Amino acid sequence: ASPQSAILSAIIFNALIIIALIPLA
C-alpha cells in the first residue's frame, strides 16, 4: 500500500518468523 506499510509489515514479519521457527529449532 505505501512505503510506511511496507517497512512496518516487513519488521513485523521479521519478528514473527523467529517465534514461528522456535518449535522447529
PDBML (XML) file of the C-alpha atoms, coordinates in Angstrom:
<?xml version="1.0" encoding="UTF-8" ?>
<PDBx:datablock datablockName="MODEL"
   xmlns:PDBx="http://pdbml.pdb.org/schema/pdbx-v50.xsd"
   xmlns:xsi="http://www.w3.org/2001/XMLSchema-instance"
   xsi:schemaLocation="http://pdbml.pdb.org/schema/pdbx-v50.xsd pdbx-v50.xsd">
   <PDBx:atom_siteCategory>
      <PDBx:atom_site id="1">
         <PDBx:B_iso_or_equiv>0.00</PDBx:B_iso_or_equiv>
         <PDBx:Cartn_x>0.000</PDBx:Cartn_x>
         <PDBx:Cartn_y>0.000</PDBx:Cartn_y>
         <PDBx:Cartn_z>0.000</PDBx:Cartn_z>
         <PDBx:auth_asym_id>A</PDBx:auth_asym_id>
         <PDBx:auth_atom_id>CA</PDBx:auth_atom_id>
         <PDBx:auth_comp_id>ALA</PDBx:auth_comp_id>
         <PDBx:auth_seq_id>1</PDBx:auth_seq_id>
         <PDBx:group_PDB>ATOM</PDBx:group_PDB>
         <PDBx:label_alt_id xsi:nil="true" />
         <PDBx:label_asym_id>A</PDBx:label_asym_id>
         <PDBx:label_atom_id>CA</PDBx:label_atom_id>
         <PDBx:label_comp_id>ALA</PDBx:label_comp_id>
         <PDBx:label_entity_id>1</PDBx:label_entity_id>
         <PDBx:label_seq_id>1</PDBx:label_seq_id>
         <PDBx:occupancy>1.00</PDBx:occupancy>
         <PDBx:pdbx_PDB_model_num>1</PDBx:pdbx_PDB_model_num>
         <PDBx:type_symbol>C</PDBx:type_symbol>
      </PDBx:atom_site>
      <PDBx:atom_site id="2">
         <PDBx:B_iso_or_equiv>0.00</PDBx:B_iso_or_equiv>
         <PDBx:Cartn_x>2.681</PDBx:Cartn_x>
         <PDBx:Cartn_y>2.532</PDBx:Cartn_y>
         <PDBx:Cartn_z>0.920</PDBx:Cartn_z>
         <PDBx:auth_asym_id>A</PDBx:auth_asym_id>
         <PDBx:auth_atom_id>CA</PDBx:auth_atom_id>
         <PDBx:auth_comp_id>SER</PDBx:auth_comp_id>
         <PDBx:auth_seq_id>2</PDBx:auth_seq_id>
         <PDBx:group_PDB>ATOM</PDBx:group_PDB>
         <PDBx:label_alt_id xsi:nil="true" />
         <PDBx:label_asym_id>A</PDBx:label_asym_id>
         <PDBx:label_atom_id>CA</PDBx:label_atom_id>
         <PDBx:label_comp_id>SER</PDBx:label_comp_id>
         <PDBx:label_entity_id>1</PDBx:label_entity_id>
         <PDBx:label_seq_id>2</PDBx:label_seq_id>
         <PDBx:occupancy>1.00</PDBx:occupancy>
         <PDBx:pdbx_PDB_model_num>1</PDBx:pdbx_PDB_model_num>
         <PDBx:type_symbol>C</PDBx:type_symbol>
      </PDBx:atom_site>
      <PDBx:atom_site id="3">
         <PDBx:B_iso_or_equiv>0.00</PDBx:B_iso_or_equiv>
         <PDBx:Cartn_x>6.337</PDBx:Cartn_x>
         <PDBx:Cartn_y>2.826</PDBx:Cartn_y>
         <PDBx:Cartn_z>1.935</PDBx:Cartn_z>
         <PDBx:auth_asym_id>A</PDBx:auth_asym_id>
         <PDBx:auth_atom_id>CA</PDBx:auth_atom_id>
         <PDBx:auth_comp_id>PRO</PDBx:auth_comp_id>
         <PDBx:auth_seq_id>3</PDBx:auth_seq_id>
         <PDBx:group_PDB>ATOM</PDBx:group_PDB>
         <PDBx:label_alt_id xsi:nil="true" />
         <PDBx:label_asym_id>A</PDBx:label_asym_id>
         <PDBx:label_atom_id>CA</PDBx:label_atom_id>
         <PDBx:label_comp_id>PRO</PDBx:label_comp_id>
         <PDBx:label_entity_id>1</PDBx:label_entity_id>
         <PDBx:label_seq_id>3</PDBx:label_seq_id>
         <PDBx:occupancy>1.00</PDBx:occupancy>
         <PDBx:pdbx_PDB_model_num>1</PDBx:pdbx_PDB_model_num>
         <PDBx:type_symbol>C</PDBx:type_symbol>
      </PDBx:atom_site>
      <PDBx:atom_site id="4">
         <PDBx:B_iso_or_equiv>0.00</PDBx:B_iso_or_equiv>
         <PDBx:Cartn_x>5.261</PDBx:Cartn_x>
         <PDBx:Cartn_y>3.032</PDBx:Cartn_y>
         <PDBx:Cartn_z>5.588</PDBx:Cartn_z>
         <PDBx:auth_asym_id>A</PDBx:auth_asym_id>
         <PDBx:auth_atom_id>CA</PDBx:auth_atom_id>
         <PDBx:auth_comp_id>GLN</PDBx:auth_comp_id>
         <PDBx:auth_seq_id>4</PDBx:auth_seq_id>
         <PDBx:group_PDB>ATOM</PDBx:group_PDB>
         <PDBx:label_alt_id xsi:nil="true" />
         <PDBx:label_asym_id>A</PDBx:label_asym_id>
         <PDBx:label_atom_id>CA</PDBx:label_atom_id>
         <PDBx:label_comp_id>GLN</PDBx:label_comp_id>
         <PDBx:label_entity_id>1</PDBx:label_entity_id>
         <PDBx:label_seq_id>4</PDBx:label_seq_id>
         <PDBx:occupancy>1.00</PDBx:occupancy>
         <PDBx:pdbx_PDB_model_num>1</PDBx:pdbx_PDB_model_num>
         <PDBx:type_symbol>C</PDBx:type_symbol>
      </PDBx:atom_site>
      <PDBx:atom_site id="5">
         <PDBx:B_iso_or_equiv>0.00</PDBx:B_iso_or_equiv>
         <PDBx:Cartn_x>3.090</PDBx:Cartn_x>
         <PDBx:Cartn_y>-0.092</PDBx:Cartn_y>
         <PDBx:Cartn_z>5.397</PDBx:Cartn_z>
         <PDBx:auth_asym_id>A</PDBx:auth_asym_id>
         <PDBx:auth_atom_id>CA</PDBx:auth_atom_id>
         <PDBx:auth_comp_id>SER</PDBx:auth_comp_id>
         <PDBx:auth_seq_id>5</PDBx:auth_seq_id>
         <PDBx:group_PDB>ATOM</PDBx:group_PDB>
         <PDBx:label_alt_id xsi:nil="true" />
         <PDBx:label_asym_id>A</PDBx:label_asym_id>
         <PDBx:label_atom_id>CA</PDBx:label_atom_id>
         <PDBx:label_comp_id>SER</PDBx:label_comp_id>
         <PDBx:label_entity_id>1</PDBx:label_entity_id>
         <PDBx:label_seq_id>5</PDBx:label_seq_id>
         <PDBx:occupancy>1.00</PDBx:occupancy>
         <PDBx:pdbx_PDB_model_num>1</PDBx:pdbx_PDB_model_num>
         <PDBx:type_symbol>C</PDBx:type_symbol>
      </PDBx:atom_site>
      <PDBx:atom_site id="6">
         <PDBx:B_iso_or_equiv>0.00</PDBx:B_iso_or_equiv>
         <PDBx:Cartn_x>5.880</PDBx:Cartn_x>
         <PDBx:Cartn_y>-1.920</PDBx:Cartn_y>
         <PDBx:Cartn_z>3.535</PDBx:Cartn_z>
         <PDBx:auth_asym_id>A</PDBx:auth_asym_id>
         <PDBx:auth_atom_id>CA</PDBx:auth_atom_id>
         <PDBx:auth_comp_id>ALA</PDBx:auth_comp_id>
         <PDBx:auth_seq_id>6</PDBx:auth_seq_id>
         <PDBx:group_PDB>ATOM</PDBx:group_PDB>
         <PDBx:label_alt_id xsi:nil="true" />
         <PDBx:label_asym_id>A</PDBx:label_asym_id>
         <PDBx:label_atom_id>CA</PDBx:label_atom_id>
         <PDBx:label_comp_id>ALA</PDBx:label_comp_id>
         <PDBx:label_entity_id>1</PDBx:label_entity_id>
         <PDBx:label_seq_id>6</PDBx:label_seq_id>
         <PDBx:occupancy>1.00</PDBx:occupancy>
         <PDBx:pdbx_PDB_model_num>1</PDBx:pdbx_PDB_model_num>
         <PDBx:type_symbol>C</PDBx:type_symbol>
      </PDBx:atom_site>
      <PDBx:atom_site id="7">
         <PDBx:B_iso_or_equiv>0.00</PDBx:B_iso_or_equiv>
         <PDBx:Cartn_x>8.501</PDBx:Cartn_x>
         <PDBx:Cartn_y>-1.251</PDBx:Cartn_y>
         <PDBx:Cartn_z>6.172</PDBx:Cartn_z>
         <PDBx:auth_asym_id>A</PDBx:auth_asym_id>
         <PDBx:auth_atom_id>CA</PDBx:auth_atom_id>
         <PDBx:auth_comp_id>ILE</PDBx:auth_comp_id>
         <PDBx:auth_seq_id>7</PDBx:auth_seq_id>
         <PDBx:group_PDB>ATOM</PDBx:group_PDB>
         <PDBx:label_alt_id xsi:nil="true" />
         <PDBx:label_asym_id>A</PDBx:label_asym_id>
         <PDBx:label_atom_id>CA</PDBx:label_atom_id>
         <PDBx:label_comp_id>ILE</PDBx:label_comp_id>
         <PDBx:label_entity_id>1</PDBx:label_entity_id>
         <PDBx:label_seq_id>7</PDBx:label_seq_id>
         <PDBx:occupancy>1.00</PDBx:occupancy>
         <PDBx:pdbx_PDB_model_num>1</PDBx:pdbx_PDB_model_num>
         <PDBx:type_symbol>C</PDBx:type_symbol>
      </PDBx:atom_site>
      <PDBx:atom_site id="8">
         <PDBx:B_iso_or_equiv>0.00</PDBx:B_iso_or_equiv>
         <PDBx:Cartn_x>6.122</PDBx:Cartn_x>
         <PDBx:Cartn_y>-1.873</PDBx:Cartn_y>
         <PDBx:Cartn_z>9.103</PDBx:Cartn_z>
         <PDBx:auth_asym_id>A</PDBx:auth_asym_id>
         <PDBx:auth_atom_id>CA</PDBx:auth_atom_id>
         <PDBx:auth_comp_id>LEU</PDBx:auth_comp_id>
         <PDBx:auth_seq_id>8</PDBx:auth_seq_id>
         <PDBx:group_PDB>ATOM</PDBx:group_PDB>
         <PDBx:label_alt_id xsi:nil="true" />
         <PDBx:label_asym_id>A</PDBx:label_asym_id>
         <PDBx:label_atom_id>CA</PDBx:label_atom_id>
         <PDBx:label_comp_id>LEU</PDBx:label_comp_id>
         <PDBx:label_entity_id>1</PDBx:label_entity_id>
         <PDBx:label_seq_id>8</PDBx:label_seq_id>
         <PDBx:occupancy>1.00</PDBx:occupancy>
         <PDBx:pdbx_PDB_model_num>1</PDBx:pdbx_PDB_model_num>
         <PDBx:type_symbol>C</PDBx:type_symbol>
      </PDBx:atom_site>
      <PDBx:atom_site id="9">
         <PDBx:B_iso_or_equiv>0.00</PDBx:B_iso_or_equiv>
         <PDBx:Cartn_x>4.885</PDBx:Cartn_x>
         <PDBx:Cartn_y>-5.133</PDBx:Cartn_y>
         <PDBx:Cartn_z>7.541</PDBx:Cartn_z>
         <PDBx:auth_asym_id>A</PDBx:auth_asym_id>
         <PDBx:auth_atom_id>CA</PDBx:auth_atom_id>
         <PDBx:auth_comp_id>SER</PDBx:auth_comp_id>
         <PDBx:auth_seq_id>9</PDBx:auth_seq_id>
         <PDBx:group_PDB>ATOM</PDBx:group_PDB>
         <PDBx:label_alt_id xsi:nil="true" />
         <PDBx:label_asym_id>A</PDBx:label_asym_id>
         <PDBx:label_atom_id>CA</PDBx:label_atom_id>
         <PDBx:label_comp_id>SER</PDBx:label_comp_id>
         <PDBx:label_entity_id>1</PDBx:label_entity_id>
         <PDBx:label_seq_id>9</PDBx:label_seq_id>
         <PDBx:occupancy>1.00</PDBx:occupancy>
         <PDBx:pdbx_PDB_model_num>1</PDBx:pdbx_PDB_model_num>
         <PDBx:type_symbol>C</PDBx:type_symbol>
      </PDBx:atom_site>
      <PDBx:atom_site id="10">
         <PDBx:B_iso_or_equiv>0.00</PDBx:B_iso_or_equiv>
         <PDBx:Cartn_x>8.452</PDBx:Cartn_x>
         <PDBx:Cartn_y>-6.289</PDBx:Cartn_y>
         <PDBx:Cartn_z>6.988</PDBx:Cartn_z>
         <PDBx:auth_asym_id>A</PDBx:auth_asym_id>
         <PDBx:auth_atom_id>CA</PDBx:auth_atom_id>
         <PDBx:auth_comp_id>ALA</PDBx:auth_comp_id>
         <PDBx:auth_seq_id>10</PDBx:auth_seq_id>
         <PDBx:group_PDB>ATOM</PDBx:group_PDB>
         <PDBx:label_alt_id xsi:nil="true" />
         <PDBx:label_asym_id>A</PDBx:label_asym_id>
         <PDBx:label_atom_id>CA</PDBx:label_atom_id>
         <PDBx:label_comp_id>ALA</PDBx:label_comp_id>
         <PDBx:label_entity_id>1</PDBx:label_entity_id>
         <PDBx:label_seq_id>10</PDBx:label_seq_id>
         <PDBx:occupancy>1.00</PDBx:occupancy>
         <PDBx:pdbx_PDB_model_num>1</PDBx:pdbx_PDB_model_num>
         <PDBx:type_symbol>C</PDBx:type_symbol>
      </PDBx:atom_site>
      <PDBx:atom_site id="11">
         <PDBx:B_iso_or_equiv>0.00</PDBx:B_iso_or_equiv>
         <PDBx:Cartn_x>9.570</PDBx:Cartn_x>
         <PDBx:Cartn_y>-5.512</PDBx:Cartn_y>
         <PDBx:Cartn_z>10.543</PDBx:Cartn_z>
         <PDBx:auth_asym_id>A</PDBx:auth_asym_id>
         <PDBx:auth_atom_id>CA</PDBx:auth_atom_id>
         <PDBx:auth_comp_id>ILE</PDBx:auth_comp_id>
         <PDBx:auth_seq_id>11</PDBx:auth_seq_id>
         <PDBx:group_PDB>ATOM</PDBx:group_PDB>
         <PDBx:label_alt_id xsi:nil="true" />
         <PDBx:label_asym_id>A</PDBx:label_asym_id>
         <PDBx:label_atom_id>CA</PDBx:label_atom_id>
         <PDBx:label_comp_id>ILE</PDBx:label_comp_id>
         <PDBx:label_entity_id>1</PDBx:label_entity_id>
         <PDBx:label_seq_id>11</PDBx:label_seq_id>
         <PDBx:occupancy>1.00</PDBx:occupancy>
         <PDBx:pdbx_PDB_model_num>1</PDBx:pdbx_PDB_model_num>
         <PDBx:type_symbol>C</PDBx:type_symbol>
      </PDBx:atom_site>
      <PDBx:atom_site id="12">
         <PDBx:B_iso_or_equiv>0.00</PDBx:B_iso_or_equiv>
         <PDBx:Cartn_x>6.503</PDBx:Cartn_x>
         <PDBx:Cartn_y>-7.285</PDBx:Cartn_y>
         <PDBx:Cartn_z>11.984</PDBx:Cartn_z>
         <PDBx:auth_asym_id>A</PDBx:auth_asym_id>
         <PDBx:auth_atom_id>CA</PDBx:auth_atom_id>
         <PDBx:auth_comp_id>ILE</PDBx:auth_comp_id>
         <PDBx:auth_seq_id>12</PDBx:auth_seq_id>
         <PDBx:group_PDB>ATOM</PDBx:group_PDB>
         <PDBx:label_alt_id xsi:nil="true" />
         <PDBx:label_asym_id>A</PDBx:label_asym_id>
         <PDBx:label_atom_id>CA</PDBx:label_atom_id>
         <PDBx:label_comp_id>ILE</PDBx:label_comp_id>
         <PDBx:label_entity_id>1</PDBx:label_entity_id>
         <PDBx:label_seq_id>12</PDBx:label_seq_id>
         <PDBx:occupancy>1.00</PDBx:occupancy>
         <PDBx:pdbx_PDB_model_num>1</PDBx:pdbx_PDB_model_num>
         <PDBx:type_symbol>C</PDBx:type_symbol>
      </PDBx:atom_site>
      <PDBx:atom_site id="13">
         <PDBx:B_iso_or_equiv>0.00</PDBx:B_iso_or_equiv>
         <PDBx:Cartn_x>7.107</PDBx:Cartn_x>
         <PDBx:Cartn_y>-10.310</PDBx:Cartn_y>
         <PDBx:Cartn_z>9.750</PDBx:Cartn_z>
         <PDBx:auth_asym_id>A</PDBx:auth_asym_id>
         <PDBx:auth_atom_id>CA</PDBx:auth_atom_id>
         <PDBx:auth_comp_id>PHE</PDBx:auth_comp_id>
         <PDBx:auth_seq_id>13</PDBx:auth_seq_id>
         <PDBx:group_PDB>ATOM</PDBx:group_PDB>
         <PDBx:label_alt_id xsi:nil="true" />
         <PDBx:label_asym_id>A</PDBx:label_asym_id>
         <PDBx:label_atom_id>CA</PDBx:label_atom_id>
         <PDBx:label_comp_id>PHE</PDBx:label_comp_id>
         <PDBx:label_entity_id>1</PDBx:label_entity_id>
         <PDBx:label_seq_id>13</PDBx:label_seq_id>
         <PDBx:occupancy>1.00</PDBx:occupancy>
         <PDBx:pdbx_PDB_model_num>1</PDBx:pdbx_PDB_model_num>
         <PDBx:type_symbol>C</PDBx:type_symbol>
      </PDBx:atom_site>
      <PDBx:atom_site id="14">
         <PDBx:B_iso_or_equiv>0.00</PDBx:B_iso_or_equiv>
         <PDBx:Cartn_x>10.764</PDBx:Cartn_x>
         <PDBx:Cartn_y>-10.329</PDBx:Cartn_y>
         <PDBx:Cartn_z>10.757</PDBx:Cartn_z>
         <PDBx:auth_asym_id>A</PDBx:auth_asym_id>
         <PDBx:auth_atom_id>CA</PDBx:auth_atom_id>
         <PDBx:auth_comp_id>ASN</PDBx:auth_comp_id>
         <PDBx:auth_seq_id>14</PDBx:auth_seq_id>
         <PDBx:group_PDB>ATOM</PDBx:group_PDB>
         <PDBx:label_alt_id xsi:nil="true" />
         <PDBx:label_asym_id>A</PDBx:label_asym_id>
         <PDBx:label_atom_id>CA</PDBx:label_atom_id>
         <PDBx:label_comp_id>ASN</PDBx:label_comp_id>
         <PDBx:label_entity_id>1</PDBx:label_entity_id>
         <PDBx:label_seq_id>14</PDBx:label_seq_id>
         <PDBx:occupancy>1.00</PDBx:occupancy>
         <PDBx:pdbx_PDB_model_num>1</PDBx:pdbx_PDB_model_num>
         <PDBx:type_symbol>C</PDBx:type_symbol>
      </PDBx:atom_site>
      <PDBx:atom_site id="15">
         <PDBx:B_iso_or_equiv>0.00</PDBx:B_iso_or_equiv>
         <PDBx:Cartn_x>9.821</PDBx:Cartn_x>
         <PDBx:Cartn_y>-10.644</PDBx:Cartn_y>
         <PDBx:Cartn_z>14.439</PDBx:Cartn_z>
         <PDBx:auth_asym_id>A</PDBx:auth_asym_id>
         <PDBx:auth_atom_id>CA</PDBx:auth_atom_id>
         <PDBx:auth_comp_id>ALA</PDBx:auth_comp_id>
         <PDBx:auth_seq_id>15</PDBx:auth_seq_id>
         <PDBx:group_PDB>ATOM</PDBx:group_PDB>
         <PDBx:label_alt_id xsi:nil="true" />
         <PDBx:label_asym_id>A</PDBx:label_asym_id>
         <PDBx:label_atom_id>CA</PDBx:label_atom_id>
         <PDBx:label_comp_id>ALA</PDBx:label_comp_id>
         <PDBx:label_entity_id>1</PDBx:label_entity_id>
         <PDBx:label_seq_id>15</PDBx:label_seq_id>
         <PDBx:occupancy>1.00</PDBx:occupancy>
         <PDBx:pdbx_PDB_model_num>1</PDBx:pdbx_PDB_model_num>
         <PDBx:type_symbol>C</PDBx:type_symbol>
      </PDBx:atom_site>
      <PDBx:atom_site id="16">
         <PDBx:B_iso_or_equiv>0.00</PDBx:B_iso_or_equiv>
         <PDBx:Cartn_x>7.017</PDBx:Cartn_x>
         <PDBx:Cartn_y>-13.173</PDBx:Cartn_y>
         <PDBx:Cartn_z>13.989</PDBx:Cartn_z>
         <PDBx:auth_asym_id>A</PDBx:auth_asym_id>
         <PDBx:auth_atom_id>CA</PDBx:auth_atom_id>
         <PDBx:auth_comp_id>LEU</PDBx:auth_comp_id>
         <PDBx:auth_seq_id>16</PDBx:auth_seq_id>
         <PDBx:group_PDB>ATOM</PDBx:group_PDB>
         <PDBx:label_alt_id xsi:nil="true" />
         <PDBx:label_asym_id>A</PDBx:label_asym_id>
         <PDBx:label_atom_id>CA</PDBx:label_atom_id>
         <PDBx:label_comp_id>LEU</PDBx:label_comp_id>
         <PDBx:label_entity_id>1</PDBx:label_entity_id>
         <PDBx:label_seq_id>16</PDBx:label_seq_id>
         <PDBx:occupancy>1.00</PDBx:occupancy>
         <PDBx:pdbx_PDB_model_num>1</PDBx:pdbx_PDB_model_num>
         <PDBx:type_symbol>C</PDBx:type_symbol>
      </PDBx:atom_site>
      <PDBx:atom_site id="17">
         <PDBx:B_iso_or_equiv>0.00</PDBx:B_iso_or_equiv>
         <PDBx:Cartn_x>9.003</PDBx:Cartn_x>
         <PDBx:Cartn_y>-15.553</PDBx:Cartn_y>
         <PDBx:Cartn_z>11.770</PDBx:Cartn_z>
         <PDBx:auth_asym_id>A</PDBx:auth_asym_id>
         <PDBx:auth_atom_id>CA</PDBx:auth_atom_id>
         <PDBx:auth_comp_id>ILE</PDBx:auth_comp_id>
         <PDBx:auth_seq_id>17</PDBx:auth_seq_id>
         <PDBx:group_PDB>ATOM</PDBx:group_PDB>
         <PDBx:label_alt_id xsi:nil="true" />
         <PDBx:label_asym_id>A</PDBx:label_asym_id>
         <PDBx:label_atom_id>CA</PDBx:label_atom_id>
         <PDBx:label_comp_id>ILE</PDBx:label_comp_id>
         <PDBx:label_entity_id>1</PDBx:label_entity_id>
         <PDBx:label_seq_id>17</PDBx:label_seq_id>
         <PDBx:occupancy>1.00</PDBx:occupancy>
         <PDBx:pdbx_PDB_model_num>1</PDBx:pdbx_PDB_model_num>
         <PDBx:type_symbol>C</PDBx:type_symbol>
      </PDBx:atom_site>
      <PDBx:atom_site id="18">
         <PDBx:B_iso_or_equiv>0.00</PDBx:B_iso_or_equiv>
         <PDBx:Cartn_x>11.515</PDBx:Cartn_x>
         <PDBx:Cartn_y>-16.032</PDBx:Cartn_y>
         <PDBx:Cartn_z>14.600</PDBx:Cartn_z>
         <PDBx:auth_asym_id>A</PDBx:auth_asym_id>
         <PDBx:auth_atom_id>CA</PDBx:auth_atom_id>
         <PDBx:auth_comp_id>ILE</PDBx:auth_comp_id>
         <PDBx:auth_seq_id>18</PDBx:auth_seq_id>
         <PDBx:group_PDB>ATOM</PDBx:group_PDB>
         <PDBx:label_alt_id xsi:nil="true" />
         <PDBx:label_asym_id>A</PDBx:label_asym_id>
         <PDBx:label_atom_id>CA</PDBx:label_atom_id>
         <PDBx:label_comp_id>ILE</PDBx:label_comp_id>
         <PDBx:label_entity_id>1</PDBx:label_entity_id>
         <PDBx:label_seq_id>18</PDBx:label_seq_id>
         <PDBx:occupancy>1.00</PDBx:occupancy>
         <PDBx:pdbx_PDB_model_num>1</PDBx:pdbx_PDB_model_num>
         <PDBx:type_symbol>C</PDBx:type_symbol>
      </PDBx:atom_site>
      <PDBx:atom_site id="19">
         <PDBx:B_iso_or_equiv>0.00</PDBx:B_iso_or_equiv>
         <PDBx:Cartn_x>8.897</PDBx:Cartn_x>
         <PDBx:Cartn_y>-17.187</PDBx:Cartn_y>
         <PDBx:Cartn_z>17.066</PDBx:Cartn_z>
         <PDBx:auth_asym_id>A</PDBx:auth_asym_id>
         <PDBx:auth_atom_id>CA</PDBx:auth_atom_id>
         <PDBx:auth_comp_id>ILE</PDBx:auth_comp_id>
         <PDBx:auth_seq_id>19</PDBx:auth_seq_id>
         <PDBx:group_PDB>ATOM</PDBx:group_PDB>
         <PDBx:label_alt_id xsi:nil="true" />
         <PDBx:label_asym_id>A</PDBx:label_asym_id>
         <PDBx:label_atom_id>CA</PDBx:label_atom_id>
         <PDBx:label_comp_id>ILE</PDBx:label_comp_id>
         <PDBx:label_entity_id>1</PDBx:label_entity_id>
         <PDBx:label_seq_id>19</PDBx:label_seq_id>
         <PDBx:occupancy>1.00</PDBx:occupancy>
         <PDBx:pdbx_PDB_model_num>1</PDBx:pdbx_PDB_model_num>
         <PDBx:type_symbol>C</PDBx:type_symbol>
      </PDBx:atom_site>
      <PDBx:atom_site id="20">
         <PDBx:B_iso_or_equiv>0.00</PDBx:B_iso_or_equiv>
         <PDBx:Cartn_x>7.242</PDBx:Cartn_x>
         <PDBx:Cartn_y>-19.319</PDBx:Cartn_y>
         <PDBx:Cartn_z>14.383</PDBx:Cartn_z>
         <PDBx:auth_asym_id>A</PDBx:auth_asym_id>
         <PDBx:auth_atom_id>CA</PDBx:auth_atom_id>
         <PDBx:auth_comp_id>ALA</PDBx:auth_comp_id>
         <PDBx:auth_seq_id>20</PDBx:auth_seq_id>
         <PDBx:group_PDB>ATOM</PDBx:group_PDB>
         <PDBx:label_alt_id xsi:nil="true" />
         <PDBx:label_asym_id>A</PDBx:label_asym_id>
         <PDBx:label_atom_id>CA</PDBx:label_atom_id>
         <PDBx:label_comp_id>ALA</PDBx:label_comp_id>
         <PDBx:label_entity_id>1</PDBx:label_entity_id>
         <PDBx:label_seq_id>20</PDBx:label_seq_id>
         <PDBx:occupancy>1.00</PDBx:occupancy>
         <PDBx:pdbx_PDB_model_num>1</PDBx:pdbx_PDB_model_num>
         <PDBx:type_symbol>C</PDBx:type_symbol>
      </PDBx:atom_site>
      <PDBx:atom_site id="21">
         <PDBx:B_iso_or_equiv>0.00</PDBx:B_iso_or_equiv>
         <PDBx:Cartn_x>10.509</PDBx:Cartn_x>
         <PDBx:Cartn_y>-21.214</PDBx:Cartn_y>
         <PDBx:Cartn_z>13.857</PDBx:Cartn_z>
         <PDBx:auth_asym_id>A</PDBx:auth_asym_id>
         <PDBx:auth_atom_id>CA</PDBx:auth_atom_id>
         <PDBx:auth_comp_id>LEU</PDBx:auth_comp_id>
         <PDBx:auth_seq_id>21</PDBx:auth_seq_id>
         <PDBx:group_PDB>ATOM</PDBx:group_PDB>
         <PDBx:label_alt_id xsi:nil="true" />
         <PDBx:label_asym_id>A</PDBx:label_asym_id>
         <PDBx:label_atom_id>CA</PDBx:label_atom_id>
         <PDBx:label_comp_id>LEU</PDBx:label_comp_id>
         <PDBx:label_entity_id>1</PDBx:label_entity_id>
         <PDBx:label_seq_id>21</PDBx:label_seq_id>
         <PDBx:occupancy>1.00</PDBx:occupancy>
         <PDBx:pdbx_PDB_model_num>1</PDBx:pdbx_PDB_model_num>
         <PDBx:type_symbol>C</PDBx:type_symbol>
      </PDBx:atom_site>
      <PDBx:atom_site id="22">
         <PDBx:B_iso_or_equiv>0.00</PDBx:B_iso_or_equiv>
         <PDBx:Cartn_x>11.316</PDBx:Cartn_x>
         <PDBx:Cartn_y>-21.788</PDBx:Cartn_y>
         <PDBx:Cartn_z>17.552</PDBx:Cartn_z>
         <PDBx:auth_asym_id>A</PDBx:auth_asym_id>
         <PDBx:auth_atom_id>CA</PDBx:auth_atom_id>
         <PDBx:auth_comp_id>ILE</PDBx:auth_comp_id>
         <PDBx:auth_seq_id>22</PDBx:auth_seq_id>
         <PDBx:group_PDB>ATOM</PDBx:group_PDB>
         <PDBx:label_alt_id xsi:nil="true" />
         <PDBx:label_asym_id>A</PDBx:label_asym_id>
         <PDBx:label_atom_id>CA</PDBx:label_atom_id>
         <PDBx:label_comp_id>ILE</PDBx:label_comp_id>
         <PDBx:label_entity_id>1</PDBx:label_entity_id>
         <PDBx:label_seq_id>22</PDBx:label_seq_id>
         <PDBx:occupancy>1.00</PDBx:occupancy>
         <PDBx:pdbx_PDB_model_num>1</PDBx:pdbx_PDB_model_num>
         <PDBx:type_symbol>C</PDBx:type_symbol>
      </PDBx:atom_site>
      <PDBx:atom_site id="23">
         <PDBx:B_iso_or_equiv>0.00</PDBx:B_iso_or_equiv>
         <PDBx:Cartn_x>9.485</PDBx:Cartn_x>
         <PDBx:Cartn_y>-25.165</PDBx:Cartn_y>
         <PDBx:Cartn_z>17.695</PDBx:Cartn_z>
         <PDBx:auth_asym_id>A</PDBx:auth_asym_id>
         <PDBx:auth_atom_id>CA</PDBx:auth_atom_id>
         <PDBx:auth_comp_id>PRO</PDBx:auth_comp_id>
         <PDBx:auth_seq_id>23</PDBx:auth_seq_id>
         <PDBx:group_PDB>ATOM</PDBx:group_PDB>
         <PDBx:label_alt_id xsi:nil="true" />
         <PDBx:label_asym_id>A</PDBx:label_asym_id>
         <PDBx:label_atom_id>CA</PDBx:label_atom_id>
         <PDBx:label_comp_id>PRO</PDBx:label_comp_id>
         <PDBx:label_entity_id>1</PDBx:label_entity_id>
         <PDBx:label_seq_id>23</PDBx:label_seq_id>
         <PDBx:occupancy>1.00</PDBx:occupancy>
         <PDBx:pdbx_PDB_model_num>1</PDBx:pdbx_PDB_model_num>
         <PDBx:type_symbol>C</PDBx:type_symbol>
      </PDBx:atom_site>
      <PDBx:atom_site id="24">
         <PDBx:B_iso_or_equiv>0.00</PDBx:B_iso_or_equiv>
         <PDBx:Cartn_x>11.446</PDBx:Cartn_x>
         <PDBx:Cartn_y>-26.383</PDBx:Cartn_y>
         <PDBx:Cartn_z>14.654</PDBx:Cartn_z>
         <PDBx:auth_asym_id>A</PDBx:auth_asym_id>
         <PDBx:auth_atom_id>CA</PDBx:auth_atom_id>
         <PDBx:auth_comp_id>LEU</PDBx:auth_comp_id>
         <PDBx:auth_seq_id>24</PDBx:auth_seq_id>
         <PDBx:group_PDB>ATOM</PDBx:group_PDB>
         <PDBx:label_alt_id xsi:nil="true" />
         <PDBx:label_asym_id>A</PDBx:label_asym_id>
         <PDBx:label_atom_id>CA</PDBx:label_atom_id>
         <PDBx:label_comp_id>LEU</PDBx:label_comp_id>
         <PDBx:label_entity_id>1</PDBx:label_entity_id>
         <PDBx:label_seq_id>24</PDBx:label_seq_id>
         <PDBx:occupancy>1.00</PDBx:occupancy>
         <PDBx:pdbx_PDB_model_num>1</PDBx:pdbx_PDB_model_num>
         <PDBx:type_symbol>C</PDBx:type_symbol>
      </PDBx:atom_site>
      <PDBx:atom_site id="25">
         <PDBx:B_iso_or_equiv>0.00</PDBx:B_iso_or_equiv>
         <PDBx:Cartn_x>14.742</PDBx:Cartn_x>
         <PDBx:Cartn_y>-25.195</PDBx:Cartn_y>
         <PDBx:Cartn_z>16.155</PDBx:Cartn_z>
         <PDBx:auth_asym_id>A</PDBx:auth_asym_id>
         <PDBx:auth_atom_id>CA</PDBx:auth_atom_id>
         <PDBx:auth_comp_id>ALA</PDBx:auth_comp_id>
         <PDBx:auth_seq_id>25</PDBx:auth_seq_id>
         <PDBx:group_PDB>ATOM</PDBx:group_PDB>
         <PDBx:label_alt_id xsi:nil="true" />
         <PDBx:label_asym_id>A</PDBx:label_asym_id>
         <PDBx:label_atom_id>CA</PDBx:label_atom_id>
         <PDBx:label_comp_id>ALA</PDBx:label_comp_id>
         <PDBx:label_entity_id>1</PDBx:label_entity_id>
         <PDBx:label_seq_id>25</PDBx:label_seq_id>
         <PDBx:occupancy>1.00</PDBx:occupancy>
         <PDBx:pdbx_PDB_model_num>1</PDBx:pdbx_PDB_model_num>
         <PDBx:type_symbol>C</PDBx:type_symbol>
      </PDBx:atom_site>
   </PDBx:atom_siteCategory>
</PDBx:datablock>
